PDB file of all heavy atoms in Angstrom:
ATOM      1  N   ALA A   1       0.858  -1.277  -0.036  1.00  0.00           N
ATOM      2  CA  ALA A   1      -0.042   0.004  -0.029  1.00  0.00           C
ATOM      3  C   ALA A   1       0.866   1.246  -0.013  1.00  0.00           C
ATOM      4  O   ALA A   1       0.582   2.188  -0.651  1.00  0.00           O
ATOM      5  CB  ALA A   1      -0.936   0.009   1.135  1.00  0.00           C
ATOM      6  N   PHE A   2       1.976   1.299   0.824  1.00  0.00           N
ATOM      7  CA  PHE A   2       2.916   2.406   0.801  1.00  0.00           C
ATOM      8  C   PHE A   2       3.532   2.613  -0.559  1.00  0.00           C
ATOM      9  O   PHE A   2       3.586   3.767  -0.999  1.00  0.00           O
ATOM     10  CB  PHE A   2       3.906   2.246   1.876  1.00  0.00           C
ATOM     11  CG  PHE A   2       3.498   2.657   3.291  1.00  0.00           C
ATOM     12  CD1 PHE A   2       3.554   1.776   4.375  1.00  0.00           C
ATOM     13  CD2 PHE A   2       2.848   3.862   3.526  1.00  0.00           C
ATOM     14  CE1 PHE A   2       3.121   2.088   5.662  1.00  0.00           C
ATOM     15  CE2 PHE A   2       2.394   4.306   4.785  1.00  0.00           C
ATOM     16  CZ  PHE A   2       2.525   3.383   5.808  1.00  0.00           C
ATOM     17  N   VAL A   3       3.927   1.572  -1.208  1.00  0.00           N
ATOM     18  CA  VAL A   3       4.628   1.682  -2.516  1.00  0.00           C
ATOM     19  C   VAL A   3       3.594   2.300  -3.447  1.00  0.00           C
ATOM     20  O   VAL A   3       3.858   3.208  -4.207  1.00  0.00           O
ATOM     21  CB  VAL A   3       5.108   0.293  -2.982  1.00  0.00           C
ATOM     22  CG1 VAL A   3       5.491   0.432  -4.440  1.00  0.00           C
ATOM     23  CG2 VAL A   3       6.287  -0.050  -2.139  1.00  0.00           C
ATOM     24  N   ALA A   4       2.359   1.816  -3.454  1.00  0.00           N
ATOM     25  CA  ALA A   4       1.316   2.241  -4.391  1.00  0.00           C
ATOM     26  C   ALA A   4       0.994   3.753  -4.138  1.00  0.00           C
ATOM     27  O   ALA A   4       0.835   4.559  -5.008  1.00  0.00           O
ATOM     28  CB  ALA A   4      -0.020   1.412  -4.229  1.00  0.00           C
ATOM     29  N   ILE A   5       0.996   4.168  -2.856  1.00  0.00           N
ATOM     30  CA  ILE A   5       0.682   5.593  -2.458  1.00  0.00           C
ATOM     31  C   ILE A   5       1.788   6.451  -3.011  1.00  0.00           C
ATOM     32  O   ILE A   5       1.526   7.545  -3.578  1.00  0.00           O
ATOM     33  CB  ILE A   5       0.497   5.691  -0.985  1.00  0.00           C
ATOM     34  CG1 ILE A   5      -0.899   5.124  -0.583  1.00  0.00           C
ATOM     35  CG2 ILE A   5       0.506   7.132  -0.537  1.00  0.00           C
ATOM     36  CD1 ILE A   5      -1.149   4.965   0.963  1.00  0.00           C
ATOM     37  N   PHE A   6       3.037   6.081  -2.784  1.00  0.00           N
ATOM     38  CA  PHE A   6       4.168   6.926  -3.254  1.00  0.00           C
ATOM     39  C   PHE A   6       4.202   6.940  -4.804  1.00  0.00           C
ATOM     40  O   PHE A   6       4.465   8.016  -5.327  1.00  0.00           O
ATOM     41  CB  PHE A   6       5.475   6.347  -2.697  1.00  0.00           C
ATOM     42  CG  PHE A   6       5.742   6.636  -1.284  1.00  0.00           C
ATOM     43  CD1 PHE A   6       5.895   5.642  -0.307  1.00  0.00           C
ATOM     44  CD2 PHE A   6       5.836   7.975  -0.905  1.00  0.00           C
ATOM     45  CE1 PHE A   6       6.168   5.944   0.997  1.00  0.00           C
ATOM     46  CE2 PHE A   6       6.029   8.306   0.408  1.00  0.00           C
ATOM     47  CZ  PHE A   6       6.149   7.269   1.388  1.00  0.00           C
ATOM     48  N   ARG A   7       3.828   5.904  -5.506  1.00  0.00           N
ATOM     49  CA  ARG A   7       3.785   5.923  -6.897  1.00  0.00           C
ATOM     50  C   ARG A   7       2.691   6.915  -7.384  1.00  0.00           C
ATOM     51  O   ARG A   7       2.866   7.704  -8.334  1.00  0.00           O
ATOM     52  CB  ARG A   7       3.509   4.571  -7.576  1.00  0.00           C
ATOM     53  CG  ARG A   7       4.765   3.717  -7.550  1.00  0.00           C
ATOM     54  CD  ARG A   7       4.532   2.438  -8.392  1.00  0.00           C
ATOM     55  NE  ARG A   7       5.697   1.581  -8.390  1.00  0.00           N
ATOM     56  CZ  ARG A   7       5.642   0.365  -8.559  1.00  0.00           C
ATOM     57  NH1 ARG A   7       4.536  -0.262  -8.842  1.00  0.00           N
ATOM     58  NH2 ARG A   7       6.731  -0.367  -8.565  1.00  0.00           N
ATOM     59  N   LEU A   8       1.502   6.843  -6.713  1.00  0.00           N
ATOM     60  CA  LEU A   8       0.381   7.687  -7.061  1.00  0.00           C
ATOM     61  C   LEU A   8       0.720   9.164  -6.763  1.00  0.00           C
ATOM     62  O   LEU A   8       0.420  10.011  -7.582  1.00  0.00           O
ATOM     63  CB  LEU A   8      -0.849   7.322  -6.249  1.00  0.00           C
ATOM     64  CG  LEU A   8      -2.104   8.016  -6.537  1.00  0.00           C
ATOM     65  CD1 LEU A   8      -2.474   7.969  -8.010  1.00  0.00           C
ATOM     66  CD2 LEU A   8      -3.297   7.558  -5.662  1.00  0.00           C
ATOM     67  N   MET A   9       1.503   9.423  -5.658  1.00  0.00           N
ATOM     68  CA  MET A   9       1.923  10.846  -5.376  1.00  0.00           C
ATOM     69  C   MET A   9       2.807  11.297  -6.458  1.00  0.00           C
ATOM     70  O   MET A   9       2.725  12.508  -6.823  1.00  0.00           O
ATOM     71  CB  MET A   9       2.573  10.858  -4.067  1.00  0.00           C
ATOM     72  CG  MET A   9       1.614  10.764  -2.841  1.00  0.00           C
ATOM     73  SD  MET A   9       2.440  10.579  -1.208  1.00  0.00           S
ATOM     74  CE  MET A   9       3.361  12.031  -1.205  1.00  0.00           C
ATOM     75  N   GLY A  10       3.751  10.427  -6.970  1.00  0.00           N
ATOM     76  CA  GLY A  10       4.613  10.866  -8.062  1.00  0.00           C
ATOM     77  C   GLY A  10       3.832  11.197  -9.325  1.00  0.00           C
ATOM     78  O   GLY A  10       4.186  12.129 -10.011  1.00  0.00           O
ATOM     79  N   GLN A  11       2.908  10.358  -9.658  1.00  0.00           N
ATOM     80  CA  GLN A  11       2.099  10.598 -10.842  1.00  0.00           C
ATOM     81  C   GLN A  11       1.291  11.879 -10.674  1.00  0.00           C
ATOM     82  O   GLN A  11       1.084  12.628 -11.649  1.00  0.00           O
ATOM     83  CB  GLN A  11       1.129   9.391 -11.107  1.00  0.00           C
ATOM     84  CG  GLN A  11       1.939   8.152 -11.540  1.00  0.00           C
ATOM     85  CD  GLN A  11       0.979   6.966 -11.537  1.00  0.00           C
ATOM     86  OE1 GLN A  11      -0.130   6.993 -11.081  1.00  0.00           O
ATOM     87  NE2 GLN A  11       1.523   5.844 -12.045  1.00  0.00           N
ATOM     88  N   THR A  12       0.705  12.118  -9.494  1.00  0.00           N
ATOM     89  CA  THR A  12      -0.101  13.344  -9.214  1.00  0.00           C
ATOM     90  C   THR A  12       0.802  14.552  -9.349  1.00  0.00           C
ATOM     91  O   THR A  12       0.446  15.545  -9.928  1.00  0.00           O
ATOM     92  CB  THR A  12      -0.716  13.267  -7.825  1.00  0.00           C
ATOM     93  OG1 THR A  12      -1.490  12.055  -7.765  1.00  0.00           O
ATOM     94  CG2 THR A  12      -1.468  14.485  -7.537  1.00  0.00           C
ATOM     95  N   GLN A  13       2.003  14.512  -8.864  1.00  0.00           N
ATOM     96  CA  GLN A  13       2.958  15.662  -9.005  1.00  0.00           C
ATOM     97  C   GLN A  13       3.320  15.920 -10.472  1.00  0.00           C
ATOM     98  O   GLN A  13       3.327  17.012 -10.878  1.00  0.00           O
ATOM     99  CB  GLN A  13       4.247  15.366  -8.119  1.00  0.00           C
ATOM    100  CG  GLN A  13       5.295  16.421  -8.221  1.00  0.00           C
ATOM    101  CD  GLN A  13       4.859  17.701  -7.552  1.00  0.00           C
ATOM    102  OE1 GLN A  13       4.026  17.693  -6.699  1.00  0.00           O
ATOM    103  NE2 GLN A  13       5.434  18.759  -8.069  1.00  0.00           N
ATOM    104  N   ALA A  14       3.536  14.832 -11.226  1.00  0.00           N
ATOM    105  CA  ALA A  14       3.873  14.991 -12.632  1.00  0.00           C
ATOM    106  C   ALA A  14       2.687  15.612 -13.394  1.00  0.00           C
ATOM    107  O   ALA A  14       2.858  16.476 -14.212  1.00  0.00           O
ATOM    108  CB  ALA A  14       4.313  13.623 -13.207  1.00  0.00           C
ATOM    109  N   ALA A  15       1.524  15.083 -13.029  1.00  0.00           N
ATOM    110  CA  ALA A  15       0.313  15.701 -13.681  1.00  0.00           C
ATOM    111  C   ALA A  15       0.143  17.199 -13.325  1.00  0.00           C
ATOM    112  O   ALA A  15      -0.237  17.989 -14.183  1.00  0.00           O
ATOM    113  CB  ALA A  15      -0.896  14.911 -13.289  1.00  0.00           C
ATOM    114  N   ALA A  16       0.401  17.515 -12.101  1.00  0.00           N
ATOM    115  CA  ALA A  16       0.265  18.908 -11.664  1.00  0.00           C
ATOM    116  C   ALA A  16       1.307  19.840 -12.412  1.00  0.00           C
ATOM    117  O   ALA A  16       0.995  20.875 -12.807  1.00  0.00           O
ATOM    118  CB  ALA A  16       0.415  19.054 -10.155  1.00  0.00           C
ATOM    119  N   GLU A  17       2.511  19.308 -12.555  1.00  0.00           N
ATOM    120  CA  GLU A  17       3.541  20.035 -13.258  1.00  0.00           C
ATOM    121  C   GLU A  17       3.218  20.257 -14.728  1.00  0.00           C
ATOM    122  O   GLU A  17       3.359  21.282 -15.270  1.00  0.00           O
ATOM    123  CB  GLU A  17       4.927  19.377 -13.064  1.00  0.00           C
ATOM    124  CG  GLU A  17       5.438  19.466 -11.697  1.00  0.00           C
ATOM    125  CD  GLU A  17       6.709  18.611 -11.409  1.00  0.00           C
ATOM    126  OE1 GLU A  17       7.118  17.969 -12.343  1.00  0.00           O
ATOM    127  OE2 GLU A  17       7.175  18.567 -10.292  1.00  0.00           O
ATOM    128  N   SER A  18       2.679  19.165 -15.329  1.00  0.00           N
ATOM    129  CA  SER A  18       2.261  19.215 -16.744  1.00  0.00           C
ATOM    130  C   SER A  18       1.127  20.258 -16.891  1.00  0.00           C
ATOM    131  O   SER A  18       1.109  21.038 -17.778  1.00  0.00           O
ATOM    132  CB  SER A  18       1.823  17.915 -17.246  1.00  0.00           C
ATOM    133  OG  SER A  18       1.353  17.885 -18.442  1.00  0.00           O
ATOM    134  N   ARG A  19       0.175  20.201 -15.980  1.00  0.00           N
ATOM    135  CA  ARG A  19      -0.971  21.157 -16.028  1.00  0.00           C
ATOM    136  C   ARG A  19      -0.498  22.605 -15.882  1.00  0.00           C
ATOM    137  O   ARG A  19      -0.962  23.444 -16.633  1.00  0.00           O
ATOM    138  CB  ARG A  19      -2.051  20.747 -14.958  1.00  0.00           C
ATOM    139  CG  ARG A  19      -3.307  21.486 -15.141  1.00  0.00           C
ATOM    140  CD  ARG A  19      -4.448  20.892 -14.234  1.00  0.00           C
ATOM    141  NE  ARG A  19      -4.010  20.441 -12.947  1.00  0.00           N
ATOM    142  CZ  ARG A  19      -3.950  19.211 -12.550  1.00  0.00           C
ATOM    143  NH1 ARG A  19      -4.166  18.188 -13.428  1.00  0.00           N
ATOM    144  NH2 ARG A  19      -3.592  18.873 -11.324  1.00  0.00           N
ATOM    145  N   ALA A  20       0.435  22.850 -14.960  1.00  0.00           N
ATOM    146  CA  ALA A  20       1.067  24.151 -14.834  1.00  0.00           C
ATOM    147  C   ALA A  20       1.762  24.589 -16.024  1.00  0.00           C
ATOM    148  O   ALA A  20       1.644  25.788 -16.389  1.00  0.00           O
ATOM    149  CB  ALA A  20       2.002  24.169 -13.612  1.00  0.00           C
ATOM    150  N   ALA A  21       2.461  23.707 -16.747  1.00  0.00           N
ATOM    151  CA  ALA A  21       3.227  24.055 -17.948  1.00  0.00           C
ATOM    152  C   ALA A  21       2.224  24.407 -19.017  1.00  0.00           C
ATOM    153  O   ALA A  21       2.393  25.450 -19.839  1.00  0.00           O
ATOM    154  CB  ALA A  21       4.147  22.935 -18.393  1.00  0.00           C
ATOM    155  N   VAL A  22       1.188  23.736 -19.154  1.00  0.00           N
ATOM    156  CA  VAL A  22       0.080  23.986 -20.151  1.00  0.00           C
ATOM    157  C   VAL A  22      -0.472  25.324 -19.887  1.00  0.00           C
ATOM    158  O   VAL A  22      -0.687  26.135 -20.791  1.00  0.00           O
ATOM    159  CB  VAL A  22      -0.923  22.865 -20.193  1.00  0.00           C
ATOM    160  CG1 VAL A  22      -2.172  23.271 -20.949  1.00  0.00           C
ATOM    161  CG2 VAL A  22      -0.361  21.562 -20.848  1.00  0.00           C
ATOM    162  N   ASN A  23      -0.818  25.624 -18.657  1.00  0.00           N
ATOM    163  CA  ASN A  23      -1.430  26.898 -18.242  1.00  0.00           C
ATOM    164  C   ASN A  23      -0.509  28.034 -18.555  1.00  0.00           C
ATOM    165  O   ASN A  23      -0.913  29.091 -19.115  1.00  0.00           O
ATOM    166  CB  ASN A  23      -1.838  26.882 -16.787  1.00  0.00           C
ATOM    167  CG  ASN A  23      -3.085  26.060 -16.550  1.00  0.00           C
ATOM    168  OD1 ASN A  23      -3.854  25.780 -17.420  1.00  0.00           O
ATOM    169  ND2 ASN A  23      -3.229  25.675 -15.280  1.00  0.00           N
ATOM    170  N   GLU A  24       0.752  27.921 -18.305  1.00  0.00           N
ATOM    171  CA  GLU A  24       1.759  28.935 -18.536  1.00  0.00           C
ATOM    172  C   GLU A  24       1.854  29.208 -20.099  1.00  0.00           C
ATOM    173  O   GLU A  24       1.856  30.315 -20.501  1.00  0.00           O
ATOM    174  CB  GLU A  24       3.122  28.607 -18.003  1.00  0.00           C
ATOM    175  CG  GLU A  24       4.164  29.602 -18.184  1.00  0.00           C
ATOM    176  CD  GLU A  24       5.516  29.220 -17.659  1.00  0.00           C
ATOM    177  OE1 GLU A  24       5.565  28.276 -16.849  1.00  0.00           O
ATOM    178  OE2 GLU A  24       6.483  29.933 -17.910  1.00  0.00           O
ATOM    179  N   ALA A  25       1.893  28.136 -20.893  1.00  0.00           N
ATOM    180  CA  ALA A  25       1.919  28.266 -22.336  1.00  0.00           C
ATOM    181  C   ALA A  25       0.646  28.950 -22.880  1.00  0.00           C
ATOM    182  O   ALA A  25       0.745  29.815 -23.702  1.00  0.00           O
ATOM    183  CB  ALA A  25       2.150  26.940 -22.960  1.00  0.00           C
ATOM    184  N   LEU A  26      -0.485  28.612 -22.299  1.00  0.00           N
ATOM    185  CA  LEU A  26      -1.723  29.243 -22.814  1.00  0.00           C
ATOM    186  C   LEU A  26      -1.778  30.716 -22.406  1.00  0.00           C
ATOM    187  O   LEU A  26      -2.212  31.521 -23.202  1.00  0.00           O
ATOM    188  CB  LEU A  26      -2.903  28.441 -22.219  1.00  0.00           C
ATOM    189  CG  LEU A  26      -3.185  27.133 -22.766  1.00  0.00           C
ATOM    190  CD1 LEU A  26      -4.368  26.416 -22.028  1.00  0.00           C
ATOM    191  CD2 LEU A  26      -3.529  27.187 -24.279  1.00  0.00           C
ATOM    192  N   GLN A  27      -1.254  31.023 -21.194  1.00  0.00           N
ATOM    193  CA  GLN A  27      -1.170  32.463 -20.821  1.00  0.00           C
ATOM    194  C   GLN A  27      -0.239  33.183 -21.737  1.00  0.00           C
ATOM    195  O   GLN A  27      -0.494  34.345 -22.060  1.00  0.00           O
ATOM    196  CB  GLN A  27      -0.747  32.560 -19.335  1.00  0.00           C
ATOM    197  CG  GLN A  27      -1.830  32.128 -18.418  1.00  0.00           C
ATOM    198  CD  GLN A  27      -1.365  32.108 -16.968  1.00  0.00           C
ATOM    199  OE1 GLN A  27      -0.205  32.345 -16.599  1.00  0.00           O
ATOM    200  NE2 GLN A  27      -2.303  31.793 -16.060  1.00  0.00           N
ATOM    201  N   THR A  28       0.894  32.606 -22.080  1.00  0.00           N
ATOM    202  CA  THR A  28       1.875  33.250 -22.978  1.00  0.00           C
ATOM    203  C   THR A  28       1.159  33.522 -24.363  1.00  0.00           C
ATOM    204  O   THR A  28       1.328  34.565 -24.942  1.00  0.00           O
ATOM    205  CB  THR A  28       3.128  32.409 -23.174  1.00  0.00           C
ATOM    206  OG1 THR A  28       3.686  32.258 -21.863  1.00  0.00           O
ATOM    207  CG2 THR A  28       4.101  33.102 -24.142  1.00  0.00           C
ATOM    208  N   LEU A  29       0.441  32.434 -24.835  1.00  0.00           N
ATOM    209  CA  LEU A  29      -0.224  32.702 -26.113  1.00  0.00           C
ATOM    210  C   LEU A  29      -1.318  33.790 -26.032  1.00  0.00           C
ATOM    211  O   LEU A  29      -1.339  34.638 -26.936  1.00  0.00           O
ATOM    212  CB  LEU A  29      -0.937  31.339 -26.509  1.00  0.00           C
ATOM    213  CG  LEU A  29      -1.751  31.375 -27.826  1.00  0.00           C
ATOM    214  CD1 LEU A  29      -0.899  31.762 -29.008  1.00  0.00           C
ATOM    215  CD2 LEU A  29      -2.390  29.970 -28.012  1.00  0.00           C
ATOM    216  N   ASP A  30      -2.060  33.805 -24.961  1.00  0.00           N
ATOM    217  CA  ASP A  30      -3.043  34.833 -24.748  1.00  0.00           C
ATOM    218  C   ASP A  30      -2.401  36.211 -24.724  1.00  0.00           C
ATOM    219  O   ASP A  30      -2.948  37.132 -25.299  1.00  0.00           O
ATOM    220  CB  ASP A  30      -3.887  34.540 -23.474  1.00  0.00           C
ATOM    221  CG  ASP A  30      -5.119  35.471 -23.301  1.00  0.00           C
ATOM    222  OD1 ASP A  30      -5.827  35.640 -24.266  1.00  0.00           O
ATOM    223  OD2 ASP A  30      -5.159  36.024 -22.180  1.00  0.00           O
TER     224      ASP A  30
END
């Protein structure tokens, strides 16, 4: 369970970073 939680946290962090990069690019375009 701990291993699964840590993997999920890593995936969540990567998704948040990707979403932030997309938002920044869209703001630059705007």
